């Protein structure tokens, strides 16, 4: 037994793989409304519905019967439903004492029997859509960076045109690779020397404050091996300490580039971590690199780091390699996410007064 609406949802998501259009799916949805139960049995001939074409047409807001017959034939051809015809091809049921003994019409049970196939197709389509969304976001960022670097117009135009059409995953990936190869190498201070080096010289008082933040954060790192009652079971105690030392409003004030992709305000640490995990591929950070950063830094500190890297996306050629190096620094207990956030805050533009 399977939930008929869950089956329809999976089929709708993976419809393209089965060659089904939205109007054919609307006919299937109408057929499902004639099955009184939410659960659909998988046994043959156990889920037969028998509406006439006229009744089906009415439920479909007056769909012409010729069109209806075409979509019904498509559903049968695809194997989503099957026919259980009477000798004269009429649809009806014979019952005795209120119990249907035999019915002729459309059997919906094939839909339930294909539940695993439908779920797999839906998951595959969803994963591909997410990969395409990441590639499109990455392409948009690269286009902006190339425009700032006065790159050849042919590359910038290629990115612009591809973003305007429904491009395949392969086409997007190939163009992203071309644009990444065309990026000039920026002059960056090696992160092993100073992960959060500023482009402008800090004042003496700011430098003293940052040293204090680094020392505080170092103390947090040193205490990560000692469990605390407030630490989540899957997180390091260092990440729990980060939640206490850094607030979500502090992050959203300092890091603003993420809003171009996720305009909704994060409501808590869960949202911050979720946003960072979706941003990481856009920055070219591979999953193993992010997972190692989360393991060493804790999910929250790794999330803040990713958001800070996004702020410097125009300066950092390989954010993945940069994060890997920061993780190595964090493993030695020398990395300060608080200081990195403070540096991002100083770079953030001051809001204009109304």
C-alpha atoms as a PDB file:
ATOM      1  CA  UNK A   1       0.000   0.000   0.000  1.00  0.00           C
ATOM      2  CA  UNK A   2       1.303   3.438  -0.939  1.00  0.00           C
ATOM      3  CA  UNK A   3       0.044   6.972  -0.443  1.00  0.00           C
ATOM      4  CA  UNK A   4      -1.565   7.890  -3.772  1.00  0.00           C
ATOM      5  CA  UNK A   5      -0.683  11.572  -3.461  1.00  0.00           C
ATOM      6  CA  UNK A   6       2.955  10.788  -2.640  1.00  0.00           C
ATOM      7  CA  UNK A   7       3.060   8.589  -5.743  1.00  0.00           C
ATOM      8  CA  UNK A   8       1.597  11.388  -7.857  1.00  0.00           C
ATOM      9  CA  UNK A   9       4.102  13.862  -6.394  1.00  0.00           C
ATOM     10  CA  UNK A  10       7.053  11.599  -7.256  1.00  0.00           C
ATOM     11  CA  UNK A  11       5.707  10.988 -10.754  1.00  0.00           C
ATOM     12  CA  UNK A  12       5.197  14.719 -11.274  1.00  0.00           C
ATOM     13  CA  UNK A  13       8.785  15.435 -10.213  1.00  0.00           C
ATOM     14  CA  UNK A  14      10.200  12.782 -12.539  1.00  0.00           C
ATOM     15  CA  UNK A  15       7.595  13.274 -15.282  1.00  0.00           C
ATOM     16  CA  UNK A  16      10.143  14.196 -17.940  1.00  0.00           C
ATOM     17  CA  UNK A  17      11.895  10.848 -17.541  1.00  0.00           C
ATOM     18  CA  UNK A  18       8.621   9.072 -18.347  1.00  0.00           C
ATOM     19  CA  UNK A  19       7.617  11.396 -21.168  1.00  0.00           C
ATOM     20  CA  UNK A  20       4.554  12.737 -19.364  1.00  0.00           C
ATOM     21  CA  UNK A  21       3.268  16.287 -19.624  1.00  0.00           C
ATOM     22  CA  UNK A  22       1.370  18.292 -17.041  1.00  0.00           C
ATOM     23  CA  UNK A  23      -2.009  17.762 -18.753  1.00  0.00           C
ATOM     24  CA  UNK A  24      -1.558  13.986 -18.726  1.00  0.00           C
ATOM     25  CA  UNK A  25      -0.693  14.221 -15.034  1.00  0.00           C
ATOM     26  CA  UNK A  26      -3.835  16.269 -14.413  1.00  0.00           C
ATOM     27  CA  UNK A  27      -5.888  13.410 -15.908  1.00  0.00           C
ATOM     28  CA  UNK A  28      -4.145  10.955 -13.580  1.00  0.00           C
ATOM     29  CA  UNK A  29      -4.855  13.235 -10.629  1.00  0.00           C
ATOM     30  CA  UNK A  30      -8.531  13.292 -11.582  1.00  0.00           C
ATOM     31  CA  UNK A  31      -8.583   9.486 -11.770  1.00  0.00           C
ATOM     32  CA  UNK A  32      -7.014   9.260  -8.311  1.00  0.00           C
ATOM     33  CA  UNK A  33      -9.821  11.367  -6.855  1.00  0.00           C
ATOM     34  CA  UNK A  34     -12.236   8.558  -7.746  1.00  0.00           C
ATOM     35  CA  UNK A  35     -10.333   6.127  -5.494  1.00  0.00           C
ATOM     36  CA  UNK A  36     -11.893   6.728  -2.060  1.00  0.00           C
ATOM     37  CA  UNK A  37      -8.901   5.689   0.060  1.00  0.00           C
ATOM     38  CA  UNK A  38      -5.630   7.561   0.457  1.00  0.00           C
ATOM     39  CA  UNK A  39      -3.666   4.311   0.332  1.00  0.00           C
ATOM     40  CA  UNK A  40      -3.405   2.639  -3.056  1.00  0.00           C
ATOM     41  CA  UNK A  41      -3.037  -1.177  -3.152  1.00  0.00           C
ATOM     42  CA  UNK A  42      -0.415  -2.728  -5.409  1.00  0.00           C
ATOM     43  CA  UNK A  43      -2.257  -5.980  -6.124  1.00  0.00           C
ATOM     44  CA  UNK A  44      -3.623  -6.197  -9.693  1.00  0.00           C
ATOM     45  CA  UNK A  45      -7.302  -5.316 -10.151  1.00  0.00           C
ATOM     46  CA  UNK A  46      -7.560  -4.089  -6.559  1.00  0.00           C
ATOM     47  CA  UNK A  47      -7.715  -0.360  -7.347  1.00  0.00           C
ATOM     48  CA  UNK A  48     -10.188  -0.028 -10.222  1.00  0.00           C
ATOM     49  CA  UNK A  49     -12.049   3.225 -10.802  1.00  0.00           C
ATOM     50  CA  UNK A  50     -14.830   3.498 -13.354  1.00  0.00           C
ATOM     51  CA  UNK A  51     -15.794   7.117 -14.138  1.00  0.00           C
ATOM     52  CA  UNK A  52     -17.261   7.782 -17.564  1.00  0.00           C
ATOM     53  CA  UNK A  53     -15.499  10.117 -19.961  1.00  0.00           C
ATOM     54  CA  UNK A  54     -18.238  12.675 -19.361  1.00  0.00           C
ATOM     55  CA  UNK A  55     -17.719  12.639 -15.590  1.00  0.00           C
ATOM     56  CA  UNK A  56     -13.938  12.768 -15.993  1.00  0.00           C
ATOM     57  CA  UNK A  57     -14.259  15.677 -18.395  1.00  0.00           C
ATOM     58  CA  UNK A  58     -16.396  17.581 -15.895  1.00  0.00           C
ATOM     59  CA  UNK A  59     -13.842  17.007 -13.156  1.00  0.00           C
ATOM     60  CA  UNK A  60     -11.164  18.333 -15.500  1.00  0.00           C
ATOM     61  CA  UNK A  61     -13.028  21.606 -16.058  1.00  0.00           C
ATOM     62  CA  UNK A  62     -14.500  20.562 -19.380  1.00  0.00           C
ATOM     63  CA  UNK A  63     -11.512  18.939 -21.089  1.00  0.00           C
ATOM     64  CA  UNK A  64     -12.652  17.786 -24.574  1.00  0.00           C
ATOM     65  CA  UNK A  65     -13.256  14.037 -24.698  1.00  0.00           C
ATOM     66  CA  UNK A  66     -10.921  13.633 -27.671  1.00  0.00           C
ATOM     67  CA  UNK A  67      -8.115  15.220 -25.618  1.00  0.00           C
ATOM     68  CA  UNK A  68      -9.077  13.157 -22.576  1.00  0.00           C
ATOM     69  CA  UNK A  69      -8.892   9.898 -24.543  1.00  0.00           C
ATOM     70  CA  UNK A  70      -5.422  10.840 -25.807  1.00  0.00           C
ATOM     71  CA  UNK A  71      -4.091  11.445 -22.289  1.00  0.00           C
ATOM     72  CA  UNK A  72      -5.703   8.255 -20.959  1.00  0.00           C
ATOM     73  CA  UNK A  73      -4.019   6.298 -23.752  1.00  0.00           C
ATOM     74  CA  UNK A  74      -0.680   7.890 -22.811  1.00  0.00           C
ATOM     75  CA  UNK A  75      -1.080   6.817 -19.177  1.00  0.00           C
ATOM     76  CA  UNK A  76      -1.853   3.252 -20.274  1.00  0.00           C
ATOM     77  CA  UNK A  77       1.048   3.234 -22.741  1.00  0.00           C
ATOM     78  CA  UNK A  78       3.460   4.421 -20.036  1.00  0.00           C
ATOM     79  CA  UNK A  79       2.280   1.692 -17.661  1.00  0.00           C
ATOM     80  CA  UNK A  80       1.052   4.067 -14.978  1.00  0.00           C
ATOM     81  CA  UNK A  81      -2.471   2.630 -15.187  1.00  0.00           C
ATOM     82  CA  UNK A  82      -4.028  -0.323 -17.007  1.00  0.00           C
ATOM     83  CA  UNK A  83      -7.402  -1.005 -18.547  1.00  0.00           C
ATOM     84  CA  UNK A  84      -9.807  -3.541 -17.098  1.00  0.00           C
ATOM     85  CA  UNK A  85     -12.413  -3.581 -19.837  1.00  0.00           C
ATOM     86  CA  UNK A  86     -15.894  -5.009 -19.861  1.00  0.00           C
ATOM     87  CA  UNK A  87     -17.022  -6.920 -22.982  1.00  0.00           C
ATOM     88  CA  UNK A  88     -18.588  -3.741 -24.390  1.00  0.00           C
ATOM     89  CA  UNK A  89     -15.726  -1.510 -23.083  1.00  0.00           C
ATOM     90  CA  UNK A  90     -18.078   0.296 -20.729  1.00  0.00           C
ATOM     91  CA  UNK A  91     -16.900   1.265 -17.244  1.00  0.00           C
ATOM     92  CA  UNK A  92     -19.079   0.152 -14.382  1.00  0.00           C
ATOM     93  CA  UNK A  93     -19.171  -1.955 -11.240  1.00  0.00           C
ATOM     94  CA  UNK A  94     -21.517  -4.638  -9.983  1.00  0.00           C
ATOM     95  CA  UNK A  95     -22.088  -4.783  -6.270  1.00  0.00           C
ATOM     96  CA  UNK A  96     -24.007  -6.897  -3.815  1.00  0.00           C
ATOM     97  CA  UNK A  97     -25.030  -5.668  -0.382  1.00  0.00           C
ATOM     98  CA  UNK A  98     -22.926  -2.538  -0.914  1.00  0.00           C
ATOM     99  CA  UNK A  99     -19.742  -4.495  -1.695  1.00  0.00           C
ATOM    100  CA  UNK A 100     -18.287  -4.237  -5.193  1.00  0.00           C
ATOM    101  CA  UNK A 101     -17.962  -7.705  -6.654  1.00  0.00           C
ATOM    102  CA  UNK A 102     -16.578  -6.821 -10.066  1.00  0.00           C
ATOM    103  CA  UNK A 103     -15.545  -3.546 -11.660  1.00  0.00           C
ATOM    104  CA  UNK A 104     -14.554  -2.490 -15.147  1.00  0.00           C
ATOM    105  CA  UNK A 105     -12.556   0.660 -15.781  1.00  0.00           C
ATOM    106  CA  UNK A 106      -9.009   1.823 -15.084  1.00  0.00           C
ATOM    107  CA  UNK A 107      -6.772  -0.085 -12.685  1.00  0.00           C
ATOM    108  CA  UNK A 108      -4.578   2.293 -10.658  1.00  0.00           C
ATOM    109  CA  UNK A 109      -2.560  -0.457  -8.957  1.00  0.00           C
ATOM    110  CA  UNK A 110       0.385  -0.252 -11.438  1.00  0.00           C
ATOM    111  CA  UNK A 111       1.114   3.177  -9.988  1.00  0.00           C
ATOM    112  CA  UNK A 112       1.603   1.618  -6.542  1.00  0.00           C
ATOM    113  CA  UNK A 113       3.692  -1.238  -7.929  1.00  0.00           C
ATOM    114  CA  UNK A 114       6.113   1.274  -9.439  1.00  0.00           C
ATOM    115  CA  UNK A 115       6.524   3.197  -6.157  1.00  0.00           C
ATOM    116  CA  UNK A 116      10.273   2.542  -5.834  1.00  0.00           C
ATOM    117  CA  UNK A 117      10.945   3.444  -9.465  1.00  0.00           C
ATOM    118  CA  UNK A 118       8.992   6.678  -9.111  1.00  0.00           C
ATOM    119  CA  UNK A 119      10.779   7.634  -5.883  1.00  0.00           C
ATOM    120  CA  UNK A 120      14.174   6.919  -7.444  1.00  0.00           C
ATOM    121  CA  UNK A 121      13.364   8.985 -10.535  1.00  0.00           C
ATOM    122  CA  UNK A 122      12.124  11.871  -8.390  1.00  0.00           C
ATOM    123  CA  UNK A 123      15.277  11.796  -6.249  1.00  0.00           C
ATOM    124  CA  UNK A 124      17.464  11.752  -9.356  1.00  0.00           C
ATOM    125  CA  UNK A 125      15.657  14.719 -10.910  1.00  0.00           C
ATOM    126  CA  UNK A 126      15.771  16.666  -7.635  1.00  0.00           C
ATOM    127  CA  UNK A 127      19.513  16.058  -7.266  1.00  0.00           C
ATOM    128  CA  UNK A 128      20.131  17.150 -10.857  1.00  0.00           C
ATOM    129  CA  UNK A 129      18.085  20.319 -10.365  1.00  0.00           C
ATOM    130  CA  UNK A 130      20.146  21.168  -7.293  1.00  0.00           C
ATOM    131  CA  UNK A 131      23.400  20.598  -9.194  1.00  0.00           C
ATOM    132  CA  UNK A 132      22.164  22.806 -12.027  1.00  0.00           C
ATOM    133  CA  UNK A 133      21.149  25.520  -9.549  1.00  0.00           C
ATOM    134  CA  UNK A 134      24.642  25.413  -8.024  1.00  0.00           C
ATOM    135  CA  UNK A 135      26.281  25.600 -11.456  1.00  0.00           C
ATOM    136  CA  UNK A 136      24.097  28.529 -12.503  1.00  0.00           C
ATOM    137  CA  UNK A 137      24.923  30.383  -9.287  1.00  0.00           C
ATOM    138  CA  UNK A 138      28.619  29.655  -9.777  1.00  0.00           C
ATOM    139  CA  UNK A 139      28.388  30.842 -13.385  1.00  0.00           C
ATOM    140  CA  UNK A 140      26.785  34.100 -12.278  1.00  0.00           C
ATOM    141  CA  UNK A 141      29.551  34.724  -9.751  1.00  0.00           C
ATOM    142  CA  UNK A 142      32.265  33.960 -12.310  1.00  0.00           C
ATOM    143  CA  UNK A 143      30.651  36.250 -14.866  1.00  0.00           C
ATOM    144  CA  UNK A 144      30.689  39.098 -12.343  1.00  0.00           C
ATOM    145  CA  UNK A 145      34.325  38.481 -11.424  1.00  0.00           C
ATOM    146  CA  UNK A 146      35.403  38.344 -15.077  1.00  0.00           C
ATOM    147  CA  UNK A 147      33.584  41.605 -15.778  1.00  0.00           C
ATOM    148  CA  UNK A 148      35.500  43.221 -12.912  1.00  0.00           C
ATOM    149  CA  UNK A 149      38.769  41.863 -14.332  1.00  0.00           C
ATOM    150  CA  UNK A 150      38.065  43.190 -17.864  1.00  0.00           C
ATOM    151  CA  UNK A 151      38.089  39.663 -19.280  1.00  0.00           C
ATOM    152  CA  UNK A 152      37.295  39.040 -22.984  1.00  0.00           C
ATOM    153  CA  UNK A 153      33.707  39.945 -23.823  1.00  0.00           C
ATOM    154  CA  UNK A 154      33.200  36.615 -25.574  1.00  0.00           C
ATOM    155  CA  UNK A 155      33.351  34.759 -22.242  1.00  0.00           C
ATOM    156  CA  UNK A 156      31.128  37.232 -20.414  1.00  0.00           C
ATOM    157  CA  UNK A 157      28.585  37.117 -23.250  1.00  0.00           C
ATOM    158  CA  UNK A 158      28.660  33.314 -23.281  1.00  0.00           C
ATOM    159  CA  UNK A 159      27.829  33.268 -19.571  1.00  0.00           C
ATOM    160  CA  UNK A 160      25.071  35.843 -20.013  1.00  0.00           C
ATOM    161  CA  UNK A 161      23.442  33.913 -22.856  1.00  0.00           C
ATOM    162  CA  UNK A 162      23.629  30.587 -21.046  1.00  0.00           C
ATOM    163  CA  UNK A 163      22.041  32.048 -17.921  1.00  0.00           C
ATOM    164  CA  UNK A 164      19.132  33.259 -20.049  1.00  0.00           C
ATOM    165  CA  UNK A 165      18.267  29.805 -21.374  1.00  0.00           C
ATOM    166  CA  UNK A 166      17.533  26.395 -19.968  1.00  0.00           C
ATOM    167  CA  UNK A 167      20.993  24.896 -20.288  1.00  0.00           C
ATOM    168  CA  UNK A 168      21.932  21.300 -19.559  1.00  0.00           C
ATOM    169  CA  UNK A 169      24.102  20.320 -16.619  1.00  0.00           C
ATOM    170  CA  UNK A 170      26.934  19.326 -18.962  1.00  0.00           C
ATOM    171  CA  UNK A 171      26.855  22.638 -20.861  1.00  0.00           C
ATOM    172  CA  UNK A 172      26.885  24.610 -17.608  1.00  0.00           C
ATOM    173  CA  UNK A 173      29.764  22.580 -16.164  1.00  0.00           C
ATOM    174  CA  UNK A 174      31.853  23.035 -19.321  1.00  0.00           C
ATOM    175  CA  UNK A 175      31.345  26.805 -19.368  1.00  0.00           C
ATOM    176  CA  UNK A 176      32.088  27.096 -15.647  1.00  0.00           C
ATOM    177  CA  UNK A 177      35.393  25.281 -16.257  1.00  0.00           C
ATOM    178  CA  UNK A 178      36.245  27.666 -19.114  1.00  0.00           C
ATOM    179  CA  UNK A 179      35.505  30.724 -17.009  1.00  0.00           C
ATOM    180  CA  UNK A 180      37.469  29.408 -14.018  1.00  0.00           C
ATOM    181  CA  UNK A 181      40.468  28.815 -16.272  1.00  0.00           C
ATOM    182  CA  UNK A 182      40.222  32.390 -17.560  1.00  0.00           C
ATOM    183  CA  UNK A 183      40.356  33.986 -14.117  1.00  0.00           C
ATOM    184  CA  UNK A 184      43.571  35.875 -13.396  1.00  0.00           C
ATOM    185  CA  UNK A 185      45.538  34.828 -10.339  1.00  0.00           C
ATOM    186  CA  UNK A 186      44.932  37.418  -7.606  1.00  0.00           C
ATOM    187  CA  UNK A 187      47.678  38.545  -5.279  1.00  0.00           C
ATOM    188  CA  UNK A 188      46.719  37.011  -1.979  1.00  0.00           C
ATOM    189  CA  UNK A 189      48.552  36.695   1.289  1.00  0.00           C
ATOM    190  CA  UNK A 190      49.185  33.010   1.977  1.00  0.00           C
ATOM    191  CA  UNK A 191      46.489  31.937   4.438  1.00  0.00           C
ATOM    192  CA  UNK A 192      48.991  30.038   6.536  1.00  0.00           C
ATOM    193  CA  UNK A 193      50.555  33.378   7.445  1.00  0.00           C
ATOM    194  CA  UNK A 194      47.385  35.259   8.327  1.00  0.00           C
ATOM    195  CA  UNK A 195      43.998  33.792   7.382  1.00  0.00           C
ATOM    196  CA  UNK A 196      42.157  37.074   7.814  1.00  0.00           C
ATOM    197  CA  UNK A 197      44.699  39.604   6.519  1.00  0.00           C
ATOM    198  CA  UNK A 198      43.038  42.946   5.661  1.00  0.00           C
ATOM    199  CA  UNK A 199      43.679  44.964   2.507  1.00  0.00           C
ATOM    200  CA  UNK A 200      43.911  48.050   4.688  1.00  0.00           C
ATOM    201  CA  UNK A 201      46.109  48.522   7.707  1.00  0.00           C
ATOM    202  CA  UNK A 202      44.290  48.189  11.008  1.00  0.00           C
ATOM    203  CA  UNK A 203      44.611  50.819  13.646  1.00  0.00           C
ATOM    204  CA  UNK A 204      46.530  49.931  16.792  1.00  0.00           C
ATOM    205  CA  UNK A 205      43.367  49.764  18.891  1.00  0.00           C
ATOM    206  CA  UNK A 206      41.602  47.484  16.383  1.00  0.00           C
ATOM    207  CA  UNK A 207      44.662  45.252  16.230  1.00  0.00           C
ATOM    208  CA  UNK A 208      44.667  44.952  20.012  1.00  0.00           C
ATOM    209  CA  UNK A 209      40.977  44.031  19.962  1.00  0.00           C
ATOM    210  CA  UNK A 210      41.578  41.404  17.310  1.00  0.00           C
ATOM    211  CA  UNK A 211      44.468  39.886  19.259  1.00  0.00           C
ATOM    212  CA  UNK A 212      42.143  39.656  22.235  1.00  0.00           C
ATOM    213  CA  UNK A 213      39.517  37.900  20.099  1.00  0.00           C
ATOM    214  CA  UNK A 214      42.126  35.476  18.787  1.00  0.00           C
ATOM    215  CA  UNK A 215      43.316  34.656  22.283  1.00  0.00           C
ATOM    216  CA  UNK A 216      39.736  34.100  23.436  1.00  0.00           C
ATOM    217  CA  UNK A 217      38.988  31.866  20.470  1.00  0.00           C
ATOM    218  CA  UNK A 218      42.256  29.980  21.034  1.00  0.00           C
ATOM    219  CA  UNK A 219      41.097  29.233  24.561  1.00  0.00           C
ATOM    220  CA  UNK A 220      37.855  27.894  23.140  1.00  0.00           C
ATOM    221  CA  UNK A 221      39.806  25.630  20.774  1.00  0.00           C
ATOM    222  CA  UNK A 222      41.942  24.318  23.626  1.00  0.00           C
ATOM    223  CA  UNK A 223      38.832  23.370  25.573  1.00  0.00           C
ATOM    224  CA  UNK A 224      37.122  21.496  22.718  1.00  0.00           C
ATOM    225  CA  UNK A 225      38.272  18.112  23.926  1.00  0.00           C
ATOM    226  CA  UNK A 226      36.441  18.559  27.226  1.00  0.00           C
ATOM    227  CA  UNK A 227      32.728  17.713  26.849  1.00  0.00           C
ATOM    228  CA  UNK A 228      30.159  20.118  28.241  1.00  0.00           C
ATOM    229  CA  UNK A 229      26.553  19.521  29.160  1.00  0.00           C
ATOM    230  CA  UNK A 230      25.395  22.119  26.633  1.00  0.00           C
ATOM    231  CA  UNK A 231      27.203  20.637  23.640  1.00  0.00           C
ATOM    232  CA  UNK A 232      25.121  18.867  21.014  1.00  0.00           C
ATOM    233  CA  UNK A 233      26.027  15.175  20.768  1.00  0.00           C
ATOM    234  CA  UNK A 234      27.109  15.441  17.124  1.00  0.00           C
ATOM    235  CA  UNK A 235      29.017  18.703  17.470  1.00  0.00           C
ATOM    236  CA  UNK A 236      32.261  19.633  19.136  1.00  0.00           C
ATOM    237  CA  UNK A 237      31.990  21.676  22.303  1.00  0.00           C
ATOM    238  CA  UNK A 238      33.946  24.360  20.421  1.00  0.00           C
ATOM    239  CA  UNK A 239      31.000  24.853  18.084  1.00  0.00           C
ATOM    240  CA  UNK A 240      28.664  25.121  21.058  1.00  0.00           C
ATOM    241  CA  UNK A 241      30.971  27.775  22.506  1.00  0.00           C
ATOM    242  CA  UNK A 242      30.866  29.569  19.153  1.00  0.00           C
ATOM    243  CA  UNK A 243      27.089  29.757  19.410  1.00  0.00           C
ATOM    244  CA  UNK A 244      27.499  31.552  22.723  1.00  0.00           C
ATOM    245  CA  UNK A 245      30.270  33.901  21.532  1.00  0.00           C
ATOM    246  CA  UNK A 246      28.831  34.746  18.099  1.00  0.00           C
ATOM    247  CA  UNK A 247      25.194  35.541  17.443  1.00  0.00           C
ATOM    248  CA  UNK A 248      23.275  35.114  14.205  1.00  0.00           C
ATOM    249  CA  UNK A 249      22.651  38.905  13.924  1.00  0.00           C
ATOM    250  CA  UNK A 250      26.423  39.442  14.164  1.00  0.00           C
ATOM    251  CA  UNK A 251      26.872  37.093  11.208  1.00  0.00           C
ATOM    252  CA  UNK A 252      24.149  38.648   9.057  1.00  0.00           C
ATOM    253  CA  UNK A 253      25.485  42.144   9.747  1.00  0.00           C
ATOM    254  CA  UNK A 254      29.033  41.199   8.734  1.00  0.00           C
ATOM    255  CA  UNK A 255      28.244  38.787   5.881  1.00  0.00           C
ATOM    256  CA  UNK A 256      25.798  40.075   3.291  1.00  0.00           C
ATOM    257  CA  UNK A 257      26.785  38.454   0.005  1.00  0.00           C
ATOM    258  CA  UNK A 258      24.749  35.330   0.800  1.00  0.00           C
ATOM    259  CA  UNK A 259      21.547  37.381   0.450  1.00  0.00           C
ATOM    260  CA  UNK A 260      21.929  37.343  -3.324  1.00  0.00           C
ATOM    261  CA  UNK A 261      21.189  33.613  -3.177  1.00  0.00           C
ATOM    262  CA  UNK A 262      19.181  33.261   0.052  1.00  0.00           C
ATOM    263  CA  UNK A 263      17.266  36.491   0.745  1.00  0.00           C
ATOM    264  CA  UNK A 264      15.362  35.100   3.734  1.00  0.00           C
ATOM    265  CA  UNK A 265      16.831  36.046   7.111  1.00  0.00           C
ATOM    266  CA  UNK A 266      18.347  33.064   8.988  1.00  0.00           C
ATOM    267  CA  UNK A 267      16.275  32.345  12.092  1.00  0.00           C
ATOM    268  CA  UNK A 268      18.958  30.434  13.949  1.00  0.00           C
ATOM    269  CA  UNK A 269      22.154  28.428  13.715  1.00  0.00           C
ATOM    270  CA  UNK A 270      20.439  25.622  11.829  1.00  0.00           C
ATOM    271  CA  UNK A 271      19.641  28.054   8.998  1.00  0.00           C
ATOM    272  CA  UNK A 272      23.186  29.461   9.009  1.00  0.00           C
ATOM    273  CA  UNK A 273      24.681  25.968   8.689  1.00  0.00           C
ATOM    274  CA  UNK A 274      22.167  25.021   5.987  1.00  0.00           C
ATOM    275  CA  UNK A 275      22.951  28.145   3.947  1.00  0.00           C
ATOM    276  CA  UNK A 276      26.702  27.540   4.206  1.00  0.00           C
ATOM    277  CA  UNK A 277      26.311  23.938   3.041  1.00  0.00           C
ATOM    278  CA  UNK A 278      24.421  25.097  -0.047  1.00  0.00           C
ATOM    279  CA  UNK A 279      26.846  27.941  -0.722  1.00  0.00           C
ATOM    280  CA  UNK A 280      29.963  25.774  -0.491  1.00  0.00           C
ATOM    281  CA  UNK A 281      29.524  24.089  -3.911  1.00  0.00           C
ATOM    282  CA  UNK A 282      28.854  27.499  -5.479  1.00  0.00           C
ATOM    283  CA  UNK A 283      32.269  28.599  -4.225  1.00  0.00           C
ATOM    284  CA  UNK A 284      33.906  25.481  -5.620  1.00  0.00           C
ATOM    285  CA  UNK A 285      34.352  23.848  -2.199  1.00  0.00           C
ATOM    286  CA  UNK A 286      34.130  20.070  -2.559  1.00  0.00           C
ATOM    287  CA  UNK A 287      32.002  18.124  -0.027  1.00  0.00           C
ATOM    288  CA  UNK A 288      35.011  16.305   1.544  1.00  0.00           C
ATOM    289  CA  UNK A 289      36.735  19.658   2.169  1.00  0.00           C
ATOM    290  CA  UNK A 290      33.640  21.102   3.854  1.00  0.00           C
ATOM    291  CA  UNK A 291      33.072  17.934   5.878  1.00  0.00           C
ATOM    292  CA  UNK A 292      36.645  18.003   7.172  1.00  0.00           C
ATOM    293  CA  UNK A 293      36.242  21.666   8.143  1.00  0.00           C
ATOM    294  CA  UNK A 294      33.026  20.807   9.989  1.00  0.00           C
ATOM    295  CA  UNK A 295      34.749  17.933  11.770  1.00  0.00           C
ATOM    296  CA  UNK A 296      37.697  20.037  12.915  1.00  0.00           C
ATOM    297  CA  UNK A 297      36.017  23.406  13.501  1.00  0.00           C
ATOM    298  CA  UNK A 298      32.497  22.285  14.328  1.00  0.00           C
ATOM    299  CA  UNK A 299      29.511  22.872  12.064  1.00  0.00           C
ATOM    300  CA  UNK A 300      28.838  26.415  13.292  1.00  0.00           C
ATOM    301  CA  UNK A 301      32.390  27.737  12.996  1.00  0.00           C
ATOM    302  CA  UNK A 302      32.767  26.104   9.587  1.00  0.00           C
ATOM    303  CA  UNK A 303      29.519  27.768   8.500  1.00  0.00           C
ATOM    304  CA  UNK A 304      30.736  31.211   9.568  1.00  0.00           C
ATOM    305  CA  UNK A 305      34.013  30.586   7.748  1.00  0.00           C
ATOM    306  CA  UNK A 306      32.225  29.739   4.494  1.00  0.00           C
ATOM    307  CA  UNK A 307      30.115  32.902   4.732  1.00  0.00           C
ATOM    308  CA  UNK A 308      33.256  34.958   5.313  1.00  0.00           C
ATOM    309  CA  UNK A 309      34.939  33.336   2.313  1.00  0.00           C
ATOM    310  CA  UNK A 310      31.949  34.333   0.190  1.00  0.00           C
ATOM    311  CA  UNK A 311      32.561  37.945   1.231  1.00  0.00           C
ATOM    312  CA  UNK A 312      36.044  37.647  -0.296  1.00  0.00           C
ATOM    313  CA  UNK A 313      35.037  35.594  -3.346  1.00  0.00           C
ATOM    314  CA  UNK A 314      36.426  38.218  -5.709  1.00  0.00           C
ATOM    315  CA  UNK A 315      39.852  37.994  -4.028  1.00  0.00           C
ATOM    316  CA  UNK A 316      40.242  34.260  -3.453  1.00  0.00           C
ATOM    317  CA  UNK A 317      40.910  32.206  -6.564  1.00  0.00           C
ATOM    318  CA  UNK A 318      40.438  28.777  -4.975  1.00  0.00           C
ATOM    319  CA  UNK A 319      38.128  28.937  -1.937  1.00  0.00           C
ATOM    320  CA  UNK A 320      38.316  25.153  -1.552  1.00  0.00           C
ATOM    321  CA  UNK A 321      42.092  25.201  -1.130  1.00  0.00           C
ATOM    322  CA  UNK A 322      41.779  28.234   1.123  1.00  0.00           C
ATOM    323  CA  UNK A 323      39.292  26.474   3.407  1.00  0.00           C
ATOM    324  CA  UNK A 324      41.487  23.373   3.481  1.00  0.00           C
ATOM    325  CA  UNK A 325      44.391  25.506   4.705  1.00  0.00           C
ATOM    326  CA  UNK A 326      42.236  27.206   7.335  1.00  0.00           C
ATOM    327  CA  UNK A 327      41.179  23.759   8.537  1.00  0.00           C
ATOM    328  CA  UNK A 328      44.831  22.822   8.970  1.00  0.00           C
ATOM    329  CA  UNK A 329      45.358  25.991  10.995  1.00  0.00           C
ATOM    330  CA  UNK A 330      42.270  25.176  13.082  1.00  0.00           C
ATOM    331  CA  UNK A 331      43.580  21.663  13.726  1.00  0.00           C
ATOM    332  CA  UNK A 332      46.604  23.268  15.416  1.00  0.00           C
ATOM    333  CA  UNK A 333      44.318  25.460  17.524  1.00  0.00           C
ATOM    334  CA  UNK A 334      45.490  28.687  15.875  1.00  0.00           C
ATOM    335  CA  UNK A 335      42.405  29.671  13.900  1.00  0.00           C
ATOM    336  CA  UNK A 336      40.073  32.433  15.102  1.00  0.00           C
ATOM    337  CA  UNK A 337      36.641  32.476  13.518  1.00  0.00           C
ATOM    338  CA  UNK A 338      35.685  35.434  15.725  1.00  0.00           C
ATOM    339  CA  UNK A 339      38.534  37.501  14.311  1.00  0.00           C
ATOM    340  CA  UNK A 340      37.650  36.430  10.776  1.00  0.00           C
ATOM    341  CA  UNK A 341      34.080  37.591  11.347  1.00  0.00           C
ATOM    342  CA  UNK A 342      35.339  40.855  12.842  1.00  0.00           C
ATOM    343  CA  UNK A 343      37.404  41.449   9.708  1.00  0.00           C
ATOM    344  CA  UNK A 344      34.351  40.796   7.529  1.00  0.00           C
ATOM    345  CA  UNK A 345      32.361  43.221   9.665  1.00  0.00           C
ATOM    346  CA  UNK A 346      34.902  45.988   9.056  1.00  0.00           C
ATOM    347  CA  UNK A 347      34.671  45.390   5.311  1.00  0.00           C
ATOM    348  CA  UNK A 348      30.858  45.491   5.326  1.00  0.00           C
ATOM    349  CA  UNK A 349      29.395  48.798   4.070  1.00  0.00           C
ATOM    350  CA  UNK A 350      27.793  51.045   6.648  1.00  0.00           C
ATOM    351  CA  UNK A 351      24.013  51.264   6.090  1.00  0.00           C
ATOM    352  CA  UNK A 352      22.867  54.682   4.859  1.00  0.00           C
ATOM    353  CA  UNK A 353      20.639  56.739   7.127  1.00  0.00           C
ATOM    354  CA  UNK A 354      17.050  57.209   6.004  1.00  0.00           C
END
